Amino acid sequence: MAEASFPENLKLPPDFVTQVFSAHFEGDLSNFTPMVTLQVSGRKVVSYLTDDGEKKRCFALILHKEEKTSEWIEPLKKLASEVMEKDDLKGISSLYKKFIFEKRI
């Protein structure tokens, strides 16, 4: 389930979230890779998975084909950390928006 997105009206294929989330796992839910880059529905994606012991949360960015995934890894980790600290699902979309605009400048 996508808890938040930016822009808020972003439409994703039904299995997009499942494919991104599943890309982190190798067999079972306790064995996962925190950072992955992949192609989903023809889109370049960089995704970071957090686990606080109670819940796993996946943060993903859909990139333009000319963007380098390596440039987004550390900023995405920082965004995930900020969201996890606040733990406010209502504010996630605004954090994504702020993050994207700050990264673009």
PDB file of N, CA and C in Angstrom:
ATOM      1  N   MET A   1       0.844  -1.165   0.000  1.00  0.00           N
ATOM      2  CA  MET A   1       0.000   0.000   0.000  1.00  0.00           C
ATOM      3  C   MET A   1       0.898   1.240   0.000  1.00  0.00           C
ATOM      4  N   ALA A   2       0.607   2.180  -0.871  1.00  0.00           N
ATOM      5  CA  ALA A   2       1.337   3.445  -0.889  1.00  0.00           C
ATOM      6  C   ALA A   2       0.692   4.370   0.136  1.00  0.00           C
ATOM      7  N   GLU A   3       1.446   4.731   1.168  1.00  0.00           N
ATOM      8  CA  GLU A   3       0.923   5.596   2.219  1.00  0.00           C
ATOM      9  C   GLU A   3       0.903   7.053   1.797  1.00  0.00           C
ATOM     10  N   ALA A   4       1.860   7.432   0.951  1.00  0.00           N
ATOM     11  CA  ALA A   4       1.948   8.819   0.517  1.00  0.00           C
ATOM     12  C   ALA A   4       2.728   8.875  -0.786  1.00  0.00           C
ATOM     13  N   SER A   5       2.469   9.918  -1.563  1.00  0.00           N
ATOM     14  CA  SER A   5       3.221  10.107  -2.797  1.00  0.00           C
ATOM     15  C   SER A   5       3.284  11.593  -3.126  1.00  0.00           C
ATOM     16  N   PHE A   6       4.248  11.920  -3.931  1.00  0.00           N
ATOM     17  CA  PHE A   6       4.364  13.279  -4.440  1.00  0.00           C
ATOM     18  C   PHE A   6       4.691  13.162  -5.916  1.00  0.00           C
ATOM     19  N   PRO A   7       3.896  13.774  -6.768  1.00  0.00           N
ATOM     20  CA  PRO A   7       2.687  14.534  -6.423  1.00  0.00           C
ATOM     21  C   PRO A   7       1.600  13.612  -5.865  1.00  0.00           C
ATOM     22  N   GLU A   8       0.712  14.179  -5.096  1.00  0.00           N
ATOM     23  CA  GLU A   8      -0.312  13.397  -4.396  1.00  0.00           C
ATOM     24  C   GLU A   8      -1.218  12.625  -5.354  1.00  0.00           C
ATOM     25  N   ASN A   9      -1.380  13.119  -6.573  1.00  0.00           N
ATOM     26  CA  ASN A   9      -2.277  12.469  -7.528  1.00  0.00           C
ATOM     27  C   ASN A   9      -1.555  11.482  -8.442  1.00  0.00           C
ATOM     28  N   LEU A  10      -0.333  11.091  -8.075  1.00  0.00           N
ATOM     29  CA  LEU A  10       0.454  10.152  -8.858  1.00  0.00           C
ATOM     30  C   LEU A  10      -0.288   8.823  -8.969  1.00  0.00           C
ATOM     31  N   LYS A  11      -0.447   8.347 -10.186  1.00  0.00           N
ATOM     32  CA  LYS A  11      -1.119   7.063 -10.427  1.00  0.00           C
ATOM     33  C   LYS A  11      -0.067   6.023 -10.795  1.00  0.00           C
ATOM     34  N   LEU A  12      -0.049   4.938 -10.053  1.00  0.00           N
ATOM     35  CA  LEU A  12       0.901   3.860 -10.290  1.00  0.00           C
ATOM     36  C   LEU A  12       0.152   2.599 -10.694  1.00  0.00           C
ATOM     37  N   PRO A  13       0.775   1.737 -11.515  1.00  0.00           N
ATOM     38  CA  PRO A  13       0.133   0.462 -11.843  1.00  0.00           C
ATOM     39  C   PRO A  13      -0.157  -0.311 -10.554  1.00  0.00           C
ATOM     40  N   PRO A  14      -1.208  -1.120 -10.542  1.00  0.00           N
ATOM     41  CA  PRO A  14      -1.616  -1.820  -9.314  1.00  0.00           C
ATOM     42  C   PRO A  14      -0.512  -2.620  -8.624  1.00  0.00           C
ATOM     43  N   ASP A  15       0.373  -3.239  -9.389  1.00  0.00           N
ATOM     44  CA  ASP A  15       1.395  -4.076  -8.759  1.00  0.00           C
ATOM     45  C   ASP A  15       2.731  -3.355  -8.553  1.00  0.00           C
ATOM     46  N   PHE A  16       2.794  -2.065  -8.803  1.00  0.00           N
ATOM     47  CA  PHE A  16       4.031  -1.300  -8.697  1.00  0.00           C
ATOM     48  C   PHE A  16       4.617  -1.374  -7.280  1.00  0.00           C
ATOM     49  N   VAL A  17       3.809  -1.072  -6.290  1.00  0.00           N
ATOM     50  CA  VAL A  17       4.271  -1.059  -4.906  1.00  0.00           C
ATOM     51  C   VAL A  17       4.755  -2.452  -4.493  1.00  0.00           C
ATOM     52  N   THR A  18       4.023  -3.475  -4.869  1.00  0.00           N
ATOM     53  CA  THR A  18       4.401  -4.845  -4.537  1.00  0.00           C
ATOM     54  C   THR A  18       5.745  -5.212  -5.165  1.00  0.00           C
ATOM     55  N   GLN A  19       5.941  -4.839  -6.417  1.00  0.00           N
ATOM     56  CA  GLN A  19       7.206  -5.158  -7.098  1.00  0.00           C
ATOM     57  C   GLN A  19       8.389  -4.451  -6.438  1.00  0.00           C
ATOM     58  N   VAL A  20       8.209  -3.183  -6.089  1.00  0.00           N
ATOM     59  CA  VAL A  20       9.296  -2.439  -5.456  1.00  0.00           C
ATOM     60  C   VAL A  20       9.603  -3.029  -4.085  1.00  0.00           C
ATOM     61  N   PHE A  21       8.583  -3.233  -3.269  1.00  0.00           N
ATOM     62  CA  PHE A  21       8.774  -3.782  -1.928  1.00  0.00           C
ATOM     63  C   PHE A  21       9.422  -5.170  -2.003  1.00  0.00           C
ATOM     64  N   SER A  22       8.939  -6.014  -2.879  1.00  0.00           N
ATOM     65  CA  SER A  22       9.448  -7.386  -3.004  1.00  0.00           C
ATOM     66  C   SER A  22      10.903  -7.434  -3.458  1.00  0.00           C
ATOM     67  N   ALA A  23      11.350  -6.435  -4.193  1.00  0.00           N
ATOM     68  CA  ALA A  23      12.729  -6.417  -4.698  1.00  0.00           C
ATOM     69  C   ALA A  23      13.749  -6.387  -3.560  1.00  0.00           C
ATOM     70  N   HIS A  24      13.339  -5.992  -2.372  1.00  0.00           N
ATOM     71  CA  HIS A  24      14.251  -5.919  -1.229  1.00  0.00           C
ATOM     72  C   HIS A  24      14.505  -7.280  -0.570  1.00  0.00           C
ATOM     73  N   PHE A  25      13.659  -8.259  -0.860  1.00  0.00           N
ATOM     74  CA  PHE A  25      13.702  -9.526  -0.119  1.00  0.00           C
ATOM     75  C   PHE A  25      14.277 -10.676  -0.922  1.00  0.00           C
ATOM     76  N   GLU A  26      15.023 -11.527  -0.198  1.00  0.00           N
ATOM     77  CA  GLU A  26      15.610 -12.724  -0.780  1.00  0.00           C
ATOM     78  C   GLU A  26      15.088 -13.940  -0.031  1.00  0.00           C
ATOM     79  N   GLY A  27      13.889 -14.316  -0.285  1.00  0.00           N
ATOM     80  CA  GLY A  27      13.345 -15.519   0.333  1.00  0.00           C
ATOM     81  C   GLY A  27      12.348 -15.255   1.443  1.00  0.00           C
ATOM     82  N   ASP A  28      12.788 -14.674   2.561  1.00  0.00           N
ATOM     83  CA  ASP A  28      11.858 -14.446   3.669  1.00  0.00           C
ATOM     84  C   ASP A  28      11.928 -12.996   4.129  1.00  0.00           C
ATOM     85  N   LEU A  29      10.980 -12.606   4.946  1.00  0.00           N
ATOM     86  CA  LEU A  29      10.859 -11.205   5.363  1.00  0.00           C
ATOM     87  C   LEU A  29      11.945 -10.745   6.330  1.00  0.00           C
ATOM     88  N   SER A  30      12.740 -11.660   6.877  1.00  0.00           N
ATOM     89  CA  SER A  30      13.802 -11.247   7.791  1.00  0.00           C
ATOM     90  C   SER A  30      15.125 -11.001   7.054  1.00  0.00           C
ATOM     91  N   ASN A  31      15.215 -11.420   5.810  1.00  0.00           N
ATOM     92  CA  ASN A  31      16.442 -11.283   5.033  1.00  0.00           C
ATOM     93  C   ASN A  31      16.182 -10.285   3.901  1.00  0.00           C
ATOM     94  N   PHE A  32      16.636  -9.040   4.074  1.00  0.00           N
ATOM     95  CA  PHE A  32      16.369  -8.051   3.042  1.00  0.00           C
ATOM     96  C   PHE A  32      17.578  -7.163   2.779  1.00  0.00           C
ATOM     97  N   THR A  33      17.581  -6.573   1.604  1.00  0.00           N
ATOM     98  CA  THR A  33      18.595  -5.616   1.191  1.00  0.00           C
ATOM     99  C   THR A  33      17.988  -4.226   1.360  1.00  0.00           C
ATOM    100  N   PRO A  34      18.584  -3.355   2.173  1.00  0.00           N
ATOM    101  CA  PRO A  34      17.977  -2.048   2.436  1.00  0.00           C
ATOM    102  C   PRO A  34      17.831  -1.145   1.202  1.00  0.00           C
ATOM    103  N   MET A  35      18.829  -1.135   0.317  1.00  0.00           N
ATOM    104  CA  MET A  35      18.796  -0.236  -0.835  1.00  0.00           C
ATOM    105  C   MET A  35      18.818  -1.046  -2.125  1.00  0.00           C
ATOM    106  N   VAL A  36      17.857  -0.779  -3.007  1.00  0.00           N
ATOM    107  CA  VAL A  36      17.837  -1.439  -4.307  1.00  0.00           C
ATOM    108  C   VAL A  36      17.546  -0.417  -5.400  1.00  0.00           C
ATOM    109  N   THR A  37      18.034  -0.714  -6.581  1.00  0.00           N
ATOM    110  CA  THR A  37      17.667   0.039  -7.771  1.00  0.00           C
ATOM    111  C   THR A  37      17.103  -0.972  -8.756  1.00  0.00           C
ATOM    112  N   LEU A  38      16.051  -0.596  -9.458  1.00  0.00           N
ATOM    113  CA  LEU A  38      15.389  -1.532 -10.350  1.00  0.00           C
ATOM    114  C   LEU A  38      14.574  -0.807 -11.408  1.00  0.00           C
ATOM    115  N   GLN A  39      14.063  -1.574 -12.345  1.00  0.00           N
ATOM    116  CA  GLN A  39      13.139  -1.083 -13.355  1.00  0.00           C
ATOM    117  C   GLN A  39      11.786  -1.710 -13.061  1.00  0.00           C
ATOM    118  N   VAL A  40      10.748  -0.880 -12.965  1.00  0.00           N
ATOM    119  CA  VAL A  40       9.392  -1.372 -12.738  1.00  0.00           C
ATOM    120  C   VAL A  40       8.483  -0.663 -13.730  1.00  0.00           C
ATOM    121  N   SER A  41       7.778  -1.436 -14.518  1.00  0.00           N
ATOM    122  CA  SER A  41       6.874  -0.877 -15.531  1.00  0.00           C
ATOM    123  C   SER A  41       7.588   0.148 -16.402  1.00  0.00           C
ATOM    124  N   GLY A  42       8.834  -0.137 -16.745  1.00  0.00           N
ATOM    125  CA  GLY A  42       9.602   0.758 -17.607  1.00  0.00           C
ATOM    126  C   GLY A  42      10.118   2.004 -16.921  1.00  0.00           C
ATOM    127  N   ARG A  43      10.000   2.072 -15.608  1.00  0.00           N
ATOM    128  CA  ARG A  43      10.459   3.236 -14.852  1.00  0.00           C
ATOM    129  C   ARG A  43      11.660   2.876 -13.990  1.00  0.00           C
ATOM    130  N   LYS A  44      12.639   3.789 -13.947  1.00  0.00           N
ATOM    131  CA  LYS A  44      13.823   3.605 -13.109  1.00  0.00           C
ATOM    132  C   LYS A  44      13.447   3.985 -11.677  1.00  0.00           C
ATOM    133  N   VAL A  45      13.750   3.085 -10.733  1.00  0.00           N
ATOM    134  CA  VAL A  45      13.353   3.285  -9.342  1.00  0.00           C
ATOM    135  C   VAL A  45      14.551   3.059  -8.423  1.00  0.00           C
ATOM    136  N   VAL A  46      14.685   3.918  -7.427  1.00  0.00           N
ATOM    137  CA  VAL A  46      15.632   3.687  -6.337  1.00  0.00           C
ATOM    138  C   VAL A  46      14.770   3.587  -5.075  1.00  0.00           C
ATOM    139  N   SER A  47      15.031   2.562  -4.272  1.00  0.00           N
ATOM    140  CA  SER A  47      14.167   2.285  -3.128  1.00  0.00           C
ATOM    141  C   SER A  47      14.997   1.958  -1.893  1.00  0.00           C
ATOM    142  N   TYR A  48      14.545   2.451  -0.757  1.00  0.00           N
ATOM    143  CA  TYR A  48      15.212   2.229   0.522  1.00  0.00           C
ATOM    144  C   TYR A  48      14.199   1.676   1.508  1.00  0.00           C
ATOM    145  N   LEU A  49      14.545   0.569   2.147  1.00  0.00           N
ATOM    146  CA  LEU A  49      13.643  -0.096   3.085  1.00  0.00           C
ATOM    147  C   LEU A  49      14.181   0.045   4.501  1.00  0.00           C
ATOM    148  N   THR A  50      13.338   0.514   5.403  1.00  0.00           N
ATOM    149  CA  THR A  50      13.714   0.640   6.806  1.00  0.00           C
ATOM    150  C   THR A  50      12.971  -0.416   7.619  1.00  0.00           C
ATOM    151  N   ASP A  51      13.528  -0.751   8.758  1.00  0.00           N
ATOM    152  CA  ASP A  51      12.910  -1.728   9.657  1.00  0.00           C
ATOM    153  C   ASP A  51      13.217  -1.300  11.081  1.00  0.00           C
ATOM    154  N   ASP A  52      12.191  -0.874  11.810  1.00  0.00           N
ATOM    155  CA  ASP A  52      12.412  -0.437  13.188  1.00  0.00           C
ATOM    156  C   ASP A  52      12.124  -1.553  14.193  1.00  0.00           C
ATOM    157  N   GLY A  53      11.975  -2.770  13.698  1.00  0.00           N
ATOM    158  CA  GLY A  53      11.685  -3.904  14.568  1.00  0.00           C
ATOM    159  C   GLY A  53      10.206  -4.206  14.659  1.00  0.00           C
ATOM    160  N   GLU A  54       9.370  -3.205  14.434  1.00  0.00           N
ATOM    161  CA  GLU A  54       7.923  -3.391  14.476  1.00  0.00           C
ATOM    162  C   GLU A  54       7.309  -3.347  13.088  1.00  0.00           C
ATOM    163  N   LYS A  55       7.849  -2.474  12.233  1.00  0.00           N
ATOM    164  CA  LYS A  55       7.295  -2.348  10.884  1.00  0.00           C
ATOM    165  C   LYS A  55       8.405  -2.008   9.900  1.00  0.00           C
ATOM    166  N   LYS A  56       8.164  -2.422   8.689  1.00  0.00           N
ATOM    167  CA  LYS A  56       9.067  -2.095   7.594  1.00  0.00           C
ATOM    168  C   LYS A  56       8.403  -0.999   6.769  1.00  0.00           C
ATOM    169  N   ARG A  57       9.203  -0.030   6.361  1.00  0.00           N
ATOM    170  CA  ARG A  57       8.665   1.056   5.540  1.00  0.00           C
ATOM    171  C   ARG A  57       9.599   1.247   4.357  1.00  0.00           C
ATOM    172  N   CYS A  58       9.009   1.334   3.179  1.00  0.00           N
ATOM    173  CA  CYS A  58       9.753   1.442   1.937  1.00  0.00           C
ATOM    174  C   CYS A  58       9.603   2.853   1.371  1.00  0.00           C
ATOM    175  N   PHE A  59      10.732   3.468   1.034  1.00  0.00           N
ATOM    176  CA  PHE A  59      10.756   4.806   0.445  1.00  0.00           C
ATOM    177  C   PHE A  59      11.313   4.661  -0.965  1.00  0.00           C
ATOM    178  N   ALA A  60      10.551   5.061  -1.954  1.00  0.00           N
ATOM    179  CA  ALA A  60      10.969   4.867  -3.335  1.00  0.00           C
ATOM    180  C   ALA A  60      10.830   6.151  -4.134  1.00  0.00           C
ATOM    181  N   LEU A  61      11.772   6.325  -5.040  1.00  0.00           N
ATOM    182  CA  LEU A  61      11.733   7.454  -5.959  1.00  0.00           C
ATOM    183  C   LEU A  61      11.712   6.919  -7.385  1.00  0.00           C
ATOM    184  N   ILE A  62      10.828   7.471  -8.183  1.00  0.00           N
ATOM    185  CA  ILE A  62      10.795   7.165  -9.608  1.00  0.00           C
ATOM    186  C   ILE A  62      11.635   8.242 -10.286  1.00  0.00           C
ATOM    187  N   LEU A  63      12.644   7.822 -10.998  1.00  0.00           N
ATOM    188  CA  LEU A  63      13.573   8.760 -11.609  1.00  0.00           C
ATOM    189  C   LEU A  63      13.332   8.883 -13.112  1.00  0.00           C
ATOM    190  N   HIS A  64      13.752  10.017 -13.657  1.00  0.00           N
ATOM    191  CA  HIS A  64      13.772  10.166 -15.106  1.00  0.00           C
ATOM    192  C   HIS A  64      14.882   9.275 -15.633  1.00  0.00           C
ATOM    193  N   LYS A  65      14.747   8.790 -16.859  1.00  0.00           N
ATOM    194  CA  LYS A  65      15.727   7.837 -17.388  1.00  0.00           C
ATOM    195  C   LYS A  65      17.141   8.393 -17.453  1.00  0.00           C
ATOM    196  N   GLU A  66      17.303   9.720 -17.532  1.00  0.00           N
ATOM    197  CA  GLU A  66      18.654  10.296 -17.592  1.00  0.00           C
ATOM    198  C   GLU A  66      19.263  10.526 -16.204  1.00  0.00           C
ATOM    199  N   GLU A  67      18.494  10.382 -15.145  1.00  0.00           N
ATOM    200  CA  GLU A  67      19.022  10.582 -13.795  1.00  0.00           C
ATOM    201  C   GLU A  67      19.821   9.366 -13.334  1.00  0.00           C
ATOM    202  N   LYS A  68      20.861   9.623 -12.559  1.00  0.00           N
ATOM    203  CA  LYS A  68      21.693   8.552 -12.020  1.00  0.00           C
ATOM    204  C   LYS A  68      21.167   8.143 -10.646  1.00  0.00           C
ATOM    205  N   THR A  69      20.932   6.859 -10.476  1.00  0.00           N
ATOM    206  CA  THR A  69      20.420   6.372  -9.187  1.00  0.00           C
ATOM    207  C   THR A  69      21.400   6.663  -8.064  1.00  0.00           C
ATOM    208  N   SER A  70      22.698   6.612  -8.345  1.00  0.00           N
ATOM    209  CA  SER A  70      23.707   6.820  -7.299  1.00  0.00           C
ATOM    210  C   SER A  70      23.596   8.209  -6.656  1.00  0.00           C
ATOM    211  N   GLU A  71      23.109   9.198  -7.398  1.00  0.00           N
ATOM    212  CA  GLU A  71      22.967  10.551  -6.855  1.00  0.00           C
ATOM    213  C   GLU A  71      21.811  10.666  -5.858  1.00  0.00           C
ATOM    214  N   TRP A  72      20.929   9.692  -5.848  1.00  0.00           N
ATOM    215  CA  TRP A  72      19.738   9.761  -5.003  1.00  0.00           C
ATOM    216  C   TRP A  72      19.825   8.882  -3.758  1.00  0.00           C
ATOM    217  N   ILE A  73      20.830   8.036  -3.647  1.00  0.00           N
ATOM    218  CA  ILE A  73      20.894   7.081  -2.540  1.00  0.00           C
ATOM    219  C   ILE A  73      21.005   7.777  -1.184  1.00  0.00           C
ATOM    220  N   GLU A  74      21.994   8.614  -0.991  1.00  0.00           N
ATOM    221  CA  GLU A  74      22.151   9.287   0.305  1.00  0.00           C
ATOM    222  C   GLU A  74      20.998  10.244   0.614  1.00  0.00           C
ATOM    223  N   PRO A  75      20.540  11.050  -0.360  1.00  0.00           N
ATOM    224  CA  PRO A  75      19.380  11.899  -0.066  1.00  0.00           C
ATOM    225  C   PRO A  75      18.133  11.099   0.311  1.00  0.00           C
ATOM    226  N   LEU A  76      17.940   9.930  -0.312  1.00  0.00           N
ATOM    227  CA  LEU A  76      16.775   9.118   0.024  1.00  0.00           C
ATOM    228  C   LEU A  76      16.894   8.562   1.439  1.00  0.00           C
ATOM    229  N   LYS A  77      18.088   8.163   1.844  1.00  0.00           N
ATOM    230  CA  LYS A  77      18.298   7.702   3.224  1.00  0.00           C
ATOM    231  C   LYS A  77      17.987   8.825   4.214  1.00  0.00           C
ATOM    232  N   LYS A  78      18.406  10.039   3.877  1.00  0.00           N
ATOM    233  CA  LYS A  78      18.143  11.188   4.755  1.00  0.00           C
ATOM    234  C   LYS A  78      16.645  11.447   4.866  1.00  0.00           C
ATOM    235  N   LEU A  79      15.943  11.383   3.741  1.00  0.00           N
ATOM    236  CA  LEU A  79      14.488  11.567   3.757  1.00  0.00           C
ATOM    237  C   LEU A  79      13.828  10.506   4.628  1.00  0.00           C
ATOM    238  N   ALA A  80      14.235   9.245   4.452  1.00  0.00           N
ATOM    239  CA  ALA A  80      13.650   8.152   5.239  1.00  0.00           C
ATOM    240  C   ALA A  80      13.866   8.381   6.728  1.00  0.00           C
ATOM    241  N   SER A  81      15.061   8.819   7.087  1.00  0.00           N
ATOM    242  CA  SER A  81      15.371   9.088   8.490  1.00  0.00           C
ATOM    243  C   SER A  81      14.465  10.186   9.047  1.00  0.00           C
ATOM    244  N   GLU A  82      14.282  11.234   8.261  1.00  0.00           N
ATOM    245  CA  GLU A  82      13.435  12.352   8.690  1.00  0.00           C
ATOM    246  C   GLU A  82      11.986  11.906   8.874  1.00  0.00           C
ATOM    247  N   VAL A  83      11.484  11.104   7.944  1.00  0.00           N
ATOM    248  CA  VAL A  83      10.105  10.615   8.035  1.00  0.00           C
ATOM    249  C   VAL A  83       9.954   9.695   9.240  1.00  0.00           C
ATOM    250  N   MET A  84      10.923   8.800   9.448  1.00  0.00           N
ATOM    251  CA  MET A  84      10.832   7.863  10.559  1.00  0.00           C
ATOM    252  C   MET A  84      10.880   8.581  11.908  1.00  0.00           C
ATOM    253  N   GLU A  85      11.645   9.673  11.993  1.00  0.00           N
ATOM    254  CA  GLU A  85      11.697  10.460  13.226  1.00  0.00           C
ATOM    255  C   GLU A  85      10.347  11.087  13.536  1.00  0.00           C
ATOM    256  N   LYS A  86       9.703  11.634  12.514  1.00  0.00           N
ATOM    257  CA  LYS A  86       8.420  12.312  12.719  1.00  0.00           C
ATOM    258  C   LYS A  86       7.282  11.310  12.875  1.00  0.00           C
ATOM    259  N   ASP A  87       7.367  10.182  12.152  1.00  0.00           N
ATOM    260  CA  ASP A  87       6.332   9.147  12.170  1.00  0.00           C
ATOM    261  C   ASP A  87       4.936   9.734  12.016  1.00  0.00           C
ATOM    262  N   ASP A  88       4.812  10.700  11.116  1.00  0.00           N
ATOM    263  CA  ASP A  88       3.537  11.366  10.856  1.00  0.00           C
ATOM    264  C   ASP A  88       3.163  11.142   9.400  1.00  0.00           C
ATOM    265  N   LEU A  89       2.274  10.201   9.154  1.00  0.00           N
ATOM    266  CA  LEU A  89       1.916   9.864   7.786  1.00  0.00           C
ATOM    267  C   LEU A  89       1.280  11.030   7.040  1.00  0.00           C
ATOM    268  N   LYS A  90       0.607  11.919   7.748  1.00  0.00           N
ATOM    269  CA  LYS A  90      -0.013  13.077   7.096  1.00  0.00           C
ATOM    270  C   LYS A  90       1.049  14.003   6.516  1.00  0.00           C
ATOM    271  N   GLY A  91       2.220  14.042   7.132  1.00  0.00           N
ATOM    272  CA  GLY A  91       3.258  14.959   6.697  1.00  0.00           C
ATOM    273  C   GLY A  91       4.233  14.387   5.681  1.00  0.00           C
ATOM    274  N   ILE A  92       4.099  13.112   5.348  1.00  0.00           N
ATOM    275  CA  ILE A  92       5.063  12.490   4.453  1.00  0.00           C
ATOM    276  C   ILE A  92       5.056  13.146   3.075  1.00  0.00           C
ATOM    277  N   SER A  93       3.885  13.425   2.516  1.00  0.00           N
ATOM    278  CA  SER A  93       3.831  14.034   1.190  1.00  0.00           C
ATOM    279  C   SER A  93       4.546  15.368   1.164  1.00  0.00           C
ATOM    280  N   SER A  94       4.391  16.167   2.206  1.00  0.00           N
ATOM    281  CA  SER A  94       5.069  17.467   2.233  1.00  0.00           C
ATOM    282  C   SER A  94       6.577  17.290   2.379  1.00  0.00           C
ATOM    283  N   LEU A  95       7.022  16.252   3.103  1.00  0.00           N
ATOM    284  CA  LEU A  95       8.458  15.985   3.216  1.00  0.00           C
ATOM    285  C   LEU A  95       9.035  15.549   1.872  1.00  0.00           C
ATOM    286  N   TYR A  96       8.302  14.718   1.137  1.00  0.00           N
ATOM    287  CA  TYR A  96       8.741  14.329  -0.202  1.00  0.00           C
ATOM    288  C   TYR A  96       8.869  15.567  -1.090  1.00  0.00           C
ATOM    289  N   LYS A  97       7.868  16.417  -1.053  1.00  0.00           N
ATOM    290  CA  LYS A  97       7.868  17.635  -1.881  1.00  0.00           C
ATOM    291  C   LYS A  97       9.077  18.504  -1.534  1.00  0.00           C
ATOM    292  N   LYS A  98       9.304  18.728  -0.259  1.00  0.00           N
ATOM    293  CA  LYS A  98      10.447  19.530   0.199  1.00  0.00           C
ATOM    294  C   LYS A  98      11.752  18.874  -0.253  1.00  0.00           C
ATOM    295  N   PHE A  99      11.835  17.580  -0.103  1.00  0.00           N
ATOM    296  CA  PHE A  99      13.016  16.822  -0.483  1.00  0.00           C
ATOM    297  C   PHE A  99      13.325  16.968  -1.976  1.00  0.00           C
ATOM    298  N   ILE A 100      12.315  16.801  -2.810  1.00  0.00           N
ATOM    299  CA  ILE A 100      12.500  16.885  -4.259  1.00  0.00           C
ATOM    300  C   ILE A 100      12.955  18.281  -4.652  1.00  0.00           C
ATOM    301  N   PHE A 101      12.310  19.308  -4.114  1.00  0.00           N
ATOM    302  CA  PHE A 101      12.687  20.674  -4.478  1.00  0.00           C
ATOM    303  C   PHE A 101      14.088  21.027  -3.975  1.00  0.00           C
ATOM    304  N   GLU A 102      14.450  20.583  -2.792  1.00  0.00           N
ATOM    305  CA  GLU A 102      15.802  20.857  -2.281  1.00  0.00           C
ATOM    306  C   GLU A 102      16.846  20.135  -3.109  1.00  0.00           C
ATOM    307  N   LYS A 103      16.568  18.916  -3.535  1.00  0.00           N
ATOM    308  CA  LYS A 103      17.528  18.140  -4.330  1.00  0.00           C
ATOM    309  C   LYS A 103      17.722  18.758  -5.710  1.00  0.00           C
ATOM    310  N   ARG A 104      16.694  19.346  -6.249  1.00  0.00           N
ATOM    311  CA  ARG A 104      16.743  19.926  -7.600  1.00  0.00           C
ATOM    312  C   ARG A 104      17.554  21.220  -7.642  1.00  0.00           C
ATOM    313  N   ILE A 105      17.663  21.899  -6.496  1.00  0.00           N
ATOM    314  CA  ILE A 105      18.359  23.206  -6.476  1.00  0.00           C
ATOM    315  C   ILE A 105      19.855  23.017  -6.427  1.00  0.00           C
TER     316      ILE A 105
END
